[in-house]
């Protein structure tokens, strides 16, 4: 797995990443981390559910540059993950996506 050195210096390790698979009550994330995770999940699964209330909540914990950077990184990784699936690259996909239109 790829890990950025800056993230590792800030405490990201495989144990922390493994918490994402646990029920929320068993996870040990700081409030900012939990909110960043929720932002990523909403962007990936239901971006239209990101309303003014959620953006206000983000602004309580993050500055505008941080929100922009989080959003850019989330979007980049969502897009890259989808590209890997379409191209059949990686362990989640053994065949490229083929629509019925081709």
PDB file of N, CA and C in Angstrom:
ATOM      1  N   UNK A   1       0.824  -1.179   0.000  1.00  0.00           N
ATOM      2  CA  UNK A   1       0.000   0.000   0.000  1.00  0.00           C
ATOM      3  C   UNK A   1       0.872   1.248   0.000  1.00  0.00           C
ATOM      4  N   UNK A   2       0.396   2.262  -0.648  1.00  0.00           N
ATOM      5  CA  UNK A   2       1.120   3.529  -0.683  1.00  0.00           C
ATOM      6  C   UNK A   2       0.757   4.363   0.531  1.00  0.00           C
ATOM      7  N   UNK A   3       1.740   4.916   1.175  1.00  0.00           N
ATOM      8  CA  UNK A   3       1.524   5.803   2.316  1.00  0.00           C
ATOM      9  C   UNK A   3       2.446   7.000   2.144  1.00  0.00           C
ATOM     10  N   UNK A   4       1.930   8.175   2.335  1.00  0.00           N
ATOM     11  CA  UNK A   4       2.745   9.372   2.271  1.00  0.00           C
ATOM     12  C   UNK A   4       3.517   9.526   3.565  1.00  0.00           C
ATOM     13  N   UNK A   5       4.780   9.945   3.468  1.00  0.00           N
ATOM     14  CA  UNK A   5       5.621  10.122   4.652  1.00  0.00           C
ATOM     15  C   UNK A   5       5.001  11.120   5.615  1.00  0.00           C
ATOM     16  N   UNK A   6       4.404  12.188   5.091  1.00  0.00           N
ATOM     17  CA  UNK A   6       3.795  13.187   5.972  1.00  0.00           C
ATOM     18  C   UNK A   6       2.650  12.580   6.777  1.00  0.00           C
ATOM     19  N   UNK A   7       1.871  11.698   6.172  1.00  0.00           N
ATOM     20  CA  UNK A   7       0.773  11.045   6.892  1.00  0.00           C
ATOM     21  C   UNK A   7       1.321  10.095   7.945  1.00  0.00           C
ATOM     22  N   UNK A   8       2.377   9.394   7.622  1.00  0.00           N
ATOM     23  CA  UNK A   8       3.003   8.474   8.584  1.00  0.00           C
ATOM     24  C   UNK A   8       3.548   9.258   9.781  1.00  0.00           C
ATOM     25  N   UNK A   9       4.160  10.418   9.514  1.00  0.00           N
ATOM     26  CA  UNK A   9       4.674  11.248  10.611  1.00  0.00           C
ATOM     27  C   UNK A   9       3.554  11.753  11.505  1.00  0.00           C
ATOM     28  N   UNK A  10       2.361  11.897  10.953  1.00  0.00           N
ATOM     29  CA  UNK A  10       1.228  12.385  11.735  1.00  0.00           C
ATOM     30  C   UNK A  10       0.447  11.254  12.404  1.00  0.00           C
ATOM     31  N   UNK A  11       0.961  10.026  12.315  1.00  0.00           N
ATOM     32  CA  UNK A  11       0.359   8.929  13.054  1.00  0.00           C
ATOM     33  C   UNK A  11      -0.412   7.910  12.236  1.00  0.00           C
ATOM     34  N   UNK A  12      -0.430   8.047  10.920  1.00  0.00           N
ATOM     35  CA  UNK A  12      -1.132   7.060  10.104  1.00  0.00           C
ATOM     36  C   UNK A  12      -0.313   5.783  10.040  1.00  0.00           C
ATOM     37  N   UNK A  13      -0.913   4.683  10.418  1.00  0.00           N
ATOM     38  CA  UNK A  13      -0.269   3.381  10.299  1.00  0.00           C
ATOM     39  C   UNK A  13      -1.337   2.349   9.941  1.00  0.00           C
ATOM     40  N   UNK A  14      -0.915   1.145   9.699  1.00  0.00           N
ATOM     41  CA  UNK A  14      -1.847   0.106   9.246  1.00  0.00           C
ATOM     42  C   UNK A  14      -2.900  -0.208  10.308  1.00  0.00           C
ATOM     43  N   UNK A  15      -2.539  -0.095  11.577  1.00  0.00           N
ATOM     44  CA  UNK A  15      -3.513  -0.346  12.646  1.00  0.00           C
ATOM     45  C   UNK A  15      -4.645   0.685  12.592  1.00  0.00           C
ATOM     46  N   UNK A  16      -4.266   1.936  12.386  1.00  0.00           N
ATOM     47  CA  UNK A  16      -5.281   2.993  12.312  1.00  0.00           C
ATOM     48  C   UNK A  16      -6.157   2.795  11.078  1.00  0.00           C
ATOM     49  N   UNK A  17      -5.559   2.480   9.962  1.00  0.00           N
ATOM     50  CA  UNK A  17      -6.319   2.250   8.729  1.00  0.00           C
ATOM     51  C   UNK A  17      -7.260   1.065   8.912  1.00  0.00           C
ATOM     52  N   UNK A  18      -6.810   0.028   9.629  1.00  0.00           N
ATOM     53  CA  UNK A  18      -7.632  -1.142   9.888  1.00  0.00           C
ATOM     54  C   UNK A  18      -8.881  -0.830  10.681  1.00  0.00           C
ATOM     55  N   UNK A  19      -8.875   0.272  11.431  1.00  0.00           N
ATOM     56  CA  UNK A  19     -10.048   0.664  12.205  1.00  0.00           C
ATOM     57  C   UNK A  19     -11.237   1.014  11.310  1.00  0.00           C
ATOM     58  N   UNK A  20     -10.963   1.369  10.081  1.00  0.00           N
ATOM     59  CA  UNK A  20     -12.050   1.723   9.160  1.00  0.00           C
ATOM     60  C   UNK A  20     -13.012   0.561   8.944  1.00  0.00           C
ATOM     61  N   UNK A  21     -12.522  -0.652   9.132  1.00  0.00           N
ATOM     62  CA  UNK A  21     -13.362  -1.838   8.952  1.00  0.00           C
ATOM     63  C   UNK A  21     -14.165  -2.190  10.206  1.00  0.00           C
ATOM     64  N   UNK A  22     -13.903  -1.495  11.304  1.00  0.00           N
ATOM     65  CA  UNK A  22     -14.589  -1.779  12.564  1.00  0.00           C
ATOM     66  C   UNK A  22     -15.899  -0.989  12.657  1.00  0.00           C
ATOM     67  N   UNK A  23     -16.818  -1.457  13.495  1.00  0.00           N
ATOM     68  CA  UNK A  23     -18.021  -0.650  13.754  1.00  0.00           C
ATOM     69  C   UNK A  23     -17.604   0.696  14.352  1.00  0.00           C
ATOM     70  N   UNK A  24     -18.362   1.754  14.088  1.00  0.00           N
ATOM     71  CA  UNK A  24     -17.982   3.095  14.573  1.00  0.00           C
ATOM     72  C   UNK A  24     -17.667   3.162  16.070  1.00  0.00           C
ATOM     73  N   UNK A  25     -18.402   2.425  16.884  1.00  0.00           N
ATOM     74  CA  UNK A  25     -18.165   2.487  18.329  1.00  0.00           C
ATOM     75  C   UNK A  25     -16.830   1.866  18.749  1.00  0.00           C
ATOM     76  N   UNK A  26     -16.196   1.107  17.862  1.00  0.00           N
ATOM     77  CA  UNK A  26     -14.899   0.504  18.166  1.00  0.00           C
ATOM     78  C   UNK A  26     -13.735   1.264  17.542  1.00  0.00           C
ATOM     79  N   UNK A  27     -14.032   2.285  16.769  1.00  0.00           N
ATOM     80  CA  UNK A  27     -12.992   3.084  16.127  1.00  0.00           C
ATOM     81  C   UNK A  27     -12.465   4.134  17.095  1.00  0.00           C
ATOM     82  N   UNK A  28     -11.205   4.484  16.936  1.00  0.00           N
ATOM     83  CA  UNK A  28     -10.569   5.481  17.797  1.00  0.00           C
ATOM     84  C   UNK A  28      -9.980   6.589  16.928  1.00  0.00           C
ATOM     85  N   UNK A  29     -10.855   7.402  16.356  1.00  0.00           N
ATOM     86  CA  UNK A  29     -10.423   8.522  15.538  1.00  0.00           C
ATOM     87  C   UNK A  29     -10.716   9.832  16.259  1.00  0.00           C
ATOM     88  N   UNK A  30      -9.841  10.802  16.066  1.00  0.00           N
ATOM     89  CA  UNK A  30     -10.065  12.148  16.589  1.00  0.00           C
ATOM     90  C   UNK A  30     -11.247  12.756  15.833  1.00  0.00           C
ATOM     91  N   UNK A  31     -11.902  13.766  16.405  1.00  0.00           N
ATOM     92  CA  UNK A  31     -13.047  14.382  15.725  1.00  0.00           C
ATOM     93  C   UNK A  31     -12.753  14.851  14.297  1.00  0.00           C
ATOM     94  N   UNK A  32     -11.592  15.465  14.072  1.00  0.00           N
ATOM     95  CA  UNK A  32     -11.240  15.896  12.716  1.00  0.00           C
ATOM     96  C   UNK A  32     -11.089  14.697  11.777  1.00  0.00           C
ATOM     97  N   UNK A  33     -10.470  13.630  12.260  1.00  0.00           N
ATOM     98  CA  UNK A  33     -10.311  12.435  11.437  1.00  0.00           C
ATOM     99  C   UNK A  33     -11.670  11.833  11.090  1.00  0.00           C
ATOM    100  N   UNK A  34     -12.537  11.744  12.082  1.00  0.00           N
ATOM    101  CA  UNK A  34     -13.874  11.173  11.874  1.00  0.00           C
ATOM    102  C   UNK A  34     -14.645  11.999  10.836  1.00  0.00           C
ATOM    103  N   UNK A  35     -14.525  13.315  10.917  1.00  0.00           N
ATOM    104  CA  UNK A  35     -15.217  14.191   9.985  1.00  0.00           C
ATOM    105  C   UNK A  35     -14.635  14.062   8.575  1.00  0.00           C
ATOM    106  N   UNK A  36     -13.320  13.948   8.462  1.00  0.00           N
ATOM    107  CA  UNK A  36     -12.688  13.749   7.159  1.00  0.00           C
ATOM    108  C   UNK A  36     -13.134  12.428   6.540  1.00  0.00           C
ATOM    109  N   UNK A  37     -13.256  11.401   7.358  1.00  0.00           N
ATOM    110  CA  UNK A  37     -13.735  10.099   6.877  1.00  0.00           C
ATOM    111  C   UNK A  37     -15.178  10.217   6.391  1.00  0.00           C
ATOM    112  N   UNK A  38     -16.001  10.923   7.158  1.00  0.00           N
ATOM    113  CA  UNK A  38     -17.394  11.113   6.744  1.00  0.00           C
ATOM    114  C   UNK A  38     -17.471  11.891   5.437  1.00  0.00           C
ATOM    115  N   UNK A  39     -16.631  12.901   5.280  1.00  0.00           N
ATOM    116  CA  UNK A  39     -16.571  13.678   4.048  1.00  0.00           C
ATOM    117  C   UNK A  39     -16.236  12.760   2.876  1.00  0.00           C
ATOM    118  N   UNK A  40     -15.233  11.911   3.045  1.00  0.00           N
ATOM    119  CA  UNK A  40     -14.834  10.982   1.985  1.00  0.00           C
ATOM    120  C   UNK A  40     -15.969  10.011   1.647  1.00  0.00           C
ATOM    121  N   UNK A  41     -16.618   9.481   2.670  1.00  0.00           N
ATOM    122  CA  UNK A  41     -17.720   8.537   2.438  1.00  0.00           C
ATOM    123  C   UNK A  41     -18.873   9.206   1.701  1.00  0.00           C
ATOM    124  N   UNK A  42     -19.188  10.440   2.102  1.00  0.00           N
ATOM    125  CA  UNK A  42     -20.274  11.148   1.416  1.00  0.00           C
ATOM    126  C   UNK A  42     -19.897  11.456  -0.030  1.00  0.00           C
ATOM    127  N   UNK A  43     -18.662  11.861  -0.254  1.00  0.00           N
ATOM    128  CA  UNK A  43     -18.218  12.148  -1.619  1.00  0.00           C
ATOM    129  C   UNK A  43     -18.277  10.884  -2.480  1.00  0.00           C
ATOM    130  N   UNK A  44     -17.930   9.762  -1.902  1.00  0.00           N
ATOM    131  CA  UNK A  44     -17.888   8.511  -2.663  1.00  0.00           C
ATOM    132  C   UNK A  44     -19.266   7.916  -2.901  1.00  0.00           C
ATOM    133  N   UNK A  45     -20.148   8.034  -1.909  1.00  0.00           N
ATOM    134  CA  UNK A  45     -21.411   7.303  -1.965  1.00  0.00           C
ATOM    135  C   UNK A  45     -22.645   8.158  -2.203  1.00  0.00           C
ATOM    136  N   UNK A  46     -22.618   9.402  -1.752  1.00  0.00           N
ATOM    137  CA  UNK A  46     -23.813  10.241  -1.887  1.00  0.00           C
ATOM    138  C   UNK A  46     -23.423  11.712  -1.773  1.00  0.00           C
ATOM    139  N   UNK A  47     -22.690  12.195  -2.765  1.00  0.00           N
ATOM    140  CA  UNK A  47     -22.180  13.564  -2.696  1.00  0.00           C
ATOM    141  C   UNK A  47     -23.297  14.609  -2.645  1.00  0.00           C
ATOM    142  N   UNK A  48     -24.483  14.270  -3.120  1.00  0.00           N
ATOM    143  CA  UNK A  48     -25.595  15.220  -3.065  1.00  0.00           C
ATOM    144  C   UNK A  48     -26.129  15.403  -1.639  1.00  0.00           C
ATOM    145  N   UNK A  49     -25.706  14.543  -0.725  1.00  0.00           N
ATOM    146  CA  UNK A  49     -26.101  14.673   0.680  1.00  0.00           C
ATOM    147  C   UNK A  49     -25.207  15.664   1.423  1.00  0.00           C
ATOM    148  N   UNK A  50     -24.217  16.223   0.743  1.00  0.00           N
ATOM    149  CA  UNK A  50     -23.368  17.235   1.366  1.00  0.00           C
ATOM    150  C   UNK A  50     -24.097  18.565   1.235  1.00  0.00           C
ATOM    151  N   UNK A  51     -24.719  18.976   2.345  1.00  0.00           N
ATOM    152  CA  UNK A  51     -25.529  20.187   2.347  1.00  0.00           C
ATOM    153  C   UNK A  51     -24.828  21.291   3.130  1.00  0.00           C
ATOM    154  N   UNK A  52     -25.506  22.422   3.256  1.00  0.00           N
ATOM    155  CA  UNK A  52     -24.932  23.560   3.979  1.00  0.00           C
ATOM    156  C   UNK A  52     -24.594  23.206   5.420  1.00  0.00           C
ATOM    157  N   UNK A  53     -25.405  22.390   6.047  1.00  0.00           N
ATOM    158  CA  UNK A  53     -25.147  21.983   7.425  1.00  0.00           C
ATOM    159  C   UNK A  53     -23.856  21.203   7.558  1.00  0.00           C
ATOM    160  N   UNK A  54     -23.633  20.284   6.620  1.00  0.00           N
ATOM    161  CA  UNK A  54     -22.396  19.498   6.683  1.00  0.00           C
ATOM    162  C   UNK A  54     -21.187  20.376   6.395  1.00  0.00           C
ATOM    163  N   UNK A  55     -21.307  21.286   5.433  1.00  0.00           N
ATOM    164  CA  UNK A  55     -20.195  22.195   5.125  1.00  0.00           C
ATOM    165  C   UNK A  55     -19.901  23.080   6.335  1.00  0.00           C
ATOM    166  N   UNK A  56     -20.921  23.529   7.035  1.00  0.00           N
ATOM    167  CA  UNK A  56     -20.711  24.321   8.252  1.00  0.00           C
ATOM    168  C   UNK A  56     -19.957  23.505   9.300  1.00  0.00           C
ATOM    169  N   UNK A  57     -20.303  22.232   9.403  1.00  0.00           N
ATOM    170  CA  UNK A  57     -19.614  21.334  10.337  1.00  0.00           C
ATOM    171  C   UNK A  57     -18.144  21.191   9.947  1.00  0.00           C
ATOM    172  N   UNK A  58     -17.874  21.057   8.643  1.00  0.00           N
ATOM    173  CA  UNK A  58     -16.487  20.996   8.181  1.00  0.00           C
ATOM    174  C   UNK A  58     -15.740  22.259   8.579  1.00  0.00           C
ATOM    175  N   UNK A  59     -16.394  23.410   8.400  1.00  0.00           N
ATOM    176  CA  UNK A  59     -15.750  24.695   8.700  1.00  0.00           C
ATOM    177  C   UNK A  59     -15.479  24.882  10.192  1.00  0.00           C
ATOM    178  N   UNK A  60     -16.194  24.161  11.038  1.00  0.00           N
ATOM    179  CA  UNK A  60     -15.919  24.222  12.477  1.00  0.00           C
ATOM    180  C   UNK A  60     -14.590  23.563  12.821  1.00  0.00           C
ATOM    181  N   UNK A  61     -14.171  22.590  12.004  1.00  0.00           N
ATOM    182  CA  UNK A  61     -12.980  21.796  12.302  1.00  0.00           C
ATOM    183  C   UNK A  61     -11.814  22.027  11.353  1.00  0.00           C
ATOM    184  N   UNK A  62     -12.097  22.568  10.176  1.00  0.00           N
ATOM    185  CA  UNK A  62     -11.072  22.761   9.149  1.00  0.00           C
ATOM    186  C   UNK A  62     -11.153  24.169   8.580  1.00  0.00           C
ATOM    187  N   UNK A  63      -9.997  24.706   8.201  1.00  0.00           N
ATOM    188  CA  UNK A  63      -9.970  25.966   7.481  1.00  0.00           C
ATOM    189  C   UNK A  63     -10.345  25.747   6.025  1.00  0.00           C
ATOM    190  N   UNK A  64     -10.644  26.825   5.320  1.00  0.00           N
ATOM    191  CA  UNK A  64     -11.022  26.712   3.905  1.00  0.00           C
ATOM    192  C   UNK A  64      -9.955  26.003   3.070  1.00  0.00           C
ATOM    193  N   UNK A  65      -8.647  26.329   3.238  1.00  0.00           N
ATOM    194  CA  UNK A  65      -7.642  25.606   2.454  1.00  0.00           C
ATOM    195  C   UNK A  65      -7.632  24.101   2.755  1.00  0.00           C
ATOM    196  N   UNK A  66      -7.869  23.739   4.017  1.00  0.00           N
ATOM    197  CA  UNK A  66      -7.896  22.317   4.381  1.00  0.00           C
ATOM    198  C   UNK A  66      -9.089  21.611   3.754  1.00  0.00           C
ATOM    199  N   UNK A  67     -10.243  22.267   3.738  1.00  0.00           N
ATOM    200  CA  UNK A  67     -11.436  21.665   3.129  1.00  0.00           C
ATOM    201  C   UNK A  67     -11.203  21.454   1.638  1.00  0.00           C
ATOM    202  N   UNK A  68     -10.614  22.453   0.993  1.00  0.00           N
ATOM    203  CA  UNK A  68     -10.327  22.329  -0.432  1.00  0.00           C
ATOM    204  C   UNK A  68      -9.341  21.193  -0.691  1.00  0.00           C
ATOM    205  N   UNK A  69      -8.287  21.120   0.115  1.00  0.00           N
ATOM    206  CA  UNK A  69      -7.304  20.054  -0.080  1.00  0.00           C
ATOM    207  C   UNK A  69      -7.923  18.676   0.173  1.00  0.00           C
ATOM    208  N   UNK A  70      -8.712  18.559   1.237  1.00  0.00           N
ATOM    209  CA  UNK A  70      -9.394  17.288   1.503  1.00  0.00           C
ATOM    210  C   UNK A  70     -10.276  16.892   0.318  1.00  0.00           C
ATOM    211  N   UNK A  71     -11.073  17.854  -0.150  1.00  0.00           N
ATOM    212  CA  UNK A  71     -11.960  17.568  -1.278  1.00  0.00           C
ATOM    213  C   UNK A  71     -11.203  17.165  -2.529  1.00  0.00           C
ATOM    214  N   UNK A  72     -10.106  17.845  -2.808  1.00  0.00           N
ATOM    215  CA  UNK A  72      -9.302  17.506  -3.989  1.00  0.00           C
ATOM    216  C   UNK A  72      -8.697  16.110  -3.865  1.00  0.00           C
ATOM    217  N   UNK A  73      -8.179  15.784  -2.695  1.00  0.00           N
ATOM    218  CA  UNK A  73      -7.573  14.464  -2.507  1.00  0.00           C
ATOM    219  C   UNK A  73      -8.635  13.373  -2.550  1.00  0.00           C
ATOM    220  N   UNK A  74      -9.772  13.622  -1.922  1.00  0.00           N
ATOM    221  CA  UNK A  74     -10.856  12.638  -1.943  1.00  0.00           C
ATOM    222  C   UNK A  74     -11.287  12.389  -3.386  1.00  0.00           C
ATOM    223  N   UNK A  75     -11.512  13.470  -4.131  1.00  0.00           N
ATOM    224  CA  UNK A  75     -11.923  13.332  -5.527  1.00  0.00           C
ATOM    225  C   UNK A  75     -10.890  12.601  -6.371  1.00  0.00           C
ATOM    226  N   UNK A  76      -9.625  12.915  -6.130  1.00  0.00           N
ATOM    227  CA  UNK A  76      -8.546  12.272  -6.883  1.00  0.00           C
ATOM    228  C   UNK A  76      -8.541  10.763  -6.636  1.00  0.00           C
ATOM    229  N   UNK A  77      -8.652  10.367  -5.388  1.00  0.00           N
ATOM    230  CA  UNK A  77      -8.586   8.943  -5.082  1.00  0.00           C
ATOM    231  C   UNK A  77      -9.861   8.191  -5.477  1.00  0.00           C
ATOM    232  N   UNK A  78     -10.996   8.841  -5.390  1.00  0.00           N
ATOM    233  CA  UNK A  78     -12.219   8.199  -5.889  1.00  0.00           C
ATOM    234  C   UNK A  78     -12.091   7.964  -7.385  1.00  0.00           C
ATOM    235  N   UNK A  79     -11.677   8.991  -8.106  1.00  0.00           N
ATOM    236  CA  UNK A  79     -11.518   8.870  -9.551  1.00  0.00           C
ATOM    237  C   UNK A  79     -10.477   7.833  -9.933  1.00  0.00           C
ATOM    238  N   UNK A  80      -9.354   7.835  -9.229  1.00  0.00           N
ATOM    239  CA  UNK A  80      -8.300   6.875  -9.533  1.00  0.00           C
ATOM    240  C   UNK A  80      -8.755   5.448  -9.254  1.00  0.00           C
ATOM    241  N   UNK A  81      -9.468   5.253  -8.151  1.00  0.00           N
ATOM    242  CA  UNK A  81      -9.986   3.924  -7.845  1.00  0.00           C
ATOM    243  C   UNK A  81     -10.947   3.427  -8.907  1.00  0.00           C
ATOM    244  N   UNK A  82     -11.789   4.319  -9.384  1.00  0.00           N
ATOM    245  CA  UNK A  82     -12.734   3.935 -10.436  1.00  0.00           C
ATOM    246  C   UNK A  82     -12.010   3.630 -11.739  1.00  0.00           C
ATOM    247  N   UNK A  83     -10.971   4.395 -12.039  1.00  0.00           N
ATOM    248  CA  UNK A  83     -10.177   4.115 -13.228  1.00  0.00           C
ATOM    249  C   UNK A  83      -9.547   2.723 -13.150  1.00  0.00           C
ATOM    250  N   UNK A  84      -9.018   2.361 -11.986  1.00  0.00           N
ATOM    251  CA  UNK A  84      -8.419   1.035 -11.825  1.00  0.00           C
ATOM    252  C   UNK A  84      -9.436  -0.070 -12.087  1.00  0.00           C
ATOM    253  N   UNK A  85     -10.662   0.123 -11.618  1.00  0.00           N
ATOM    254  CA  UNK A  85     -11.711  -0.872 -11.859  1.00  0.00           C
ATOM    255  C   UNK A  85     -12.029  -0.955 -13.346  1.00  0.00           C
ATOM    256  N   UNK A  86     -12.196   0.192 -13.991  1.00  0.00           N
ATOM    257  CA  UNK A  86     -12.528   0.214 -15.421  1.00  0.00           C
ATOM    258  C   UNK A  86     -11.447  -0.478 -16.243  1.00  0.00           C
ATOM    259  N   UNK A  87     -10.193  -0.271 -15.861  1.00  0.00           N
ATOM    260  CA  UNK A  87      -9.080  -0.865 -16.609  1.00  0.00           C
ATOM    261  C   UNK A  87      -8.756  -2.288 -16.160  1.00  0.00           C
ATOM    262  N   UNK A  88      -9.437  -2.758 -15.113  1.00  0.00           N
ATOM    263  CA  UNK A  88      -9.184  -4.116 -14.622  1.00  0.00           C
ATOM    264  C   UNK A  88      -7.853  -4.251 -13.920  1.00  0.00           C
ATOM    265  N   UNK A  89      -7.373  -3.181 -13.336  1.00  0.00           N
ATOM    266  CA  UNK A  89      -6.080  -3.170 -12.646  1.00  0.00           C
ATOM    267  C   UNK A  89      -6.340  -3.259 -11.146  1.00  0.00           C
ATOM    268  N   UNK A  90      -5.586  -4.076 -10.468  1.00  0.00           N
ATOM    269  CA  UNK A  90      -5.721  -4.167  -9.021  1.00  0.00           C
ATOM    270  C   UNK A  90      -6.484  -5.405  -8.618  1.00  0.00           C
ATOM    271  N   UNK A  91      -6.481  -5.677  -7.321  1.00  0.00           N
ATOM    272  CA  UNK A  91      -7.062  -6.928  -6.830  1.00  0.00           C
ATOM    273  C   UNK A  91      -8.579  -6.882  -6.710  1.00  0.00           C
ATOM    274  N   UNK A  92      -9.219  -5.722  -6.879  1.00  0.00           N
ATOM    275  CA  UNK A  92     -10.674  -5.658  -6.790  1.00  0.00           C
ATOM    276  C   UNK A  92     -11.347  -6.000  -8.103  1.00  0.00           C
ATOM    277  N   UNK A  93     -10.588  -6.051  -9.160  1.00  0.00           N
ATOM    278  CA  UNK A  93     -11.189  -6.288 -10.458  1.00  0.00           C
ATOM    279  C   UNK A  93     -10.271  -7.174 -11.284  1.00  0.00           C
ATOM    280  N   UNK A  94     -10.795  -8.306 -11.743  1.00  0.00           N
ATOM    281  CA  UNK A  94      -9.974  -9.132 -12.608  1.00  0.00           C
ATOM    282  C   UNK A  94     -10.355  -8.966 -14.076  1.00  0.00           C
ATOM    283  N   UNK A  95     -11.396  -8.212 -14.346  1.00  0.00           N
ATOM    284  CA  UNK A  95     -11.829  -7.924 -15.718  1.00  0.00           C
ATOM    285  C   UNK A  95     -12.208  -6.459 -15.826  1.00  0.00           C
ATOM    286  N   UNK A  96     -11.852  -5.812 -16.933  1.00  0.00           N
ATOM    287  CA  UNK A  96     -12.296  -4.426 -17.122  1.00  0.00           C
ATOM    288  C   UNK A  96     -13.817  -4.354 -17.202  1.00  0.00           C
ATOM    289  N   UNK A  97     -14.363  -3.225 -16.840  1.00  0.00           N
ATOM    290  CA  UNK A  97     -15.794  -2.995 -16.966  1.00  0.00           C
ATOM    291  C   UNK A  97     -16.162  -2.955 -18.440  1.00  0.00           C
ATOM    292  N   UNK A  98     -17.238  -3.598 -18.814  1.00  0.00           N
ATOM    293  CA  UNK A  98     -17.757  -3.574 -20.177  1.00  0.00           C
ATOM    294  C   UNK A  98     -19.240  -3.268 -20.108  1.00  0.00           C
ATOM    295  N   UNK A  99     -19.637  -2.146 -20.650  1.00  0.00           N
ATOM    296  CA  UNK A  99     -21.054  -1.829 -20.658  1.00  0.00           C
ATOM    297  C   UNK A  99     -21.732  -2.628 -21.760  1.00  0.00           C
ATOM    298  N   UNK A 100     -23.035  -2.705 -21.707  1.00  0.00           N
ATOM    299  CA  UNK A 100     -23.789  -3.396 -22.746  1.00  0.00           C
ATOM    300  C   UNK A 100     -23.897  -2.583 -24.019  1.00  0.00           C
ATOM    301  N   UNK A 101     -23.319  -1.365 -24.003  1.00  0.00           N
ATOM    302  CA  UNK A 101     -23.424  -0.491 -25.160  1.00  0.00           C
ATOM    303  C   UNK A 101     -22.374  -0.768 -26.217  1.00  0.00           C
ATOM    304  N   UNK A 102     -21.302  -1.430 -25.861  1.00  0.00           N
ATOM    305  CA  UNK A 102     -20.195  -1.637 -26.812  1.00  0.00           C
ATOM    306  C   UNK A 102     -20.454  -2.779 -27.762  1.00  0.00           C
TER     307      UNK A 102
END
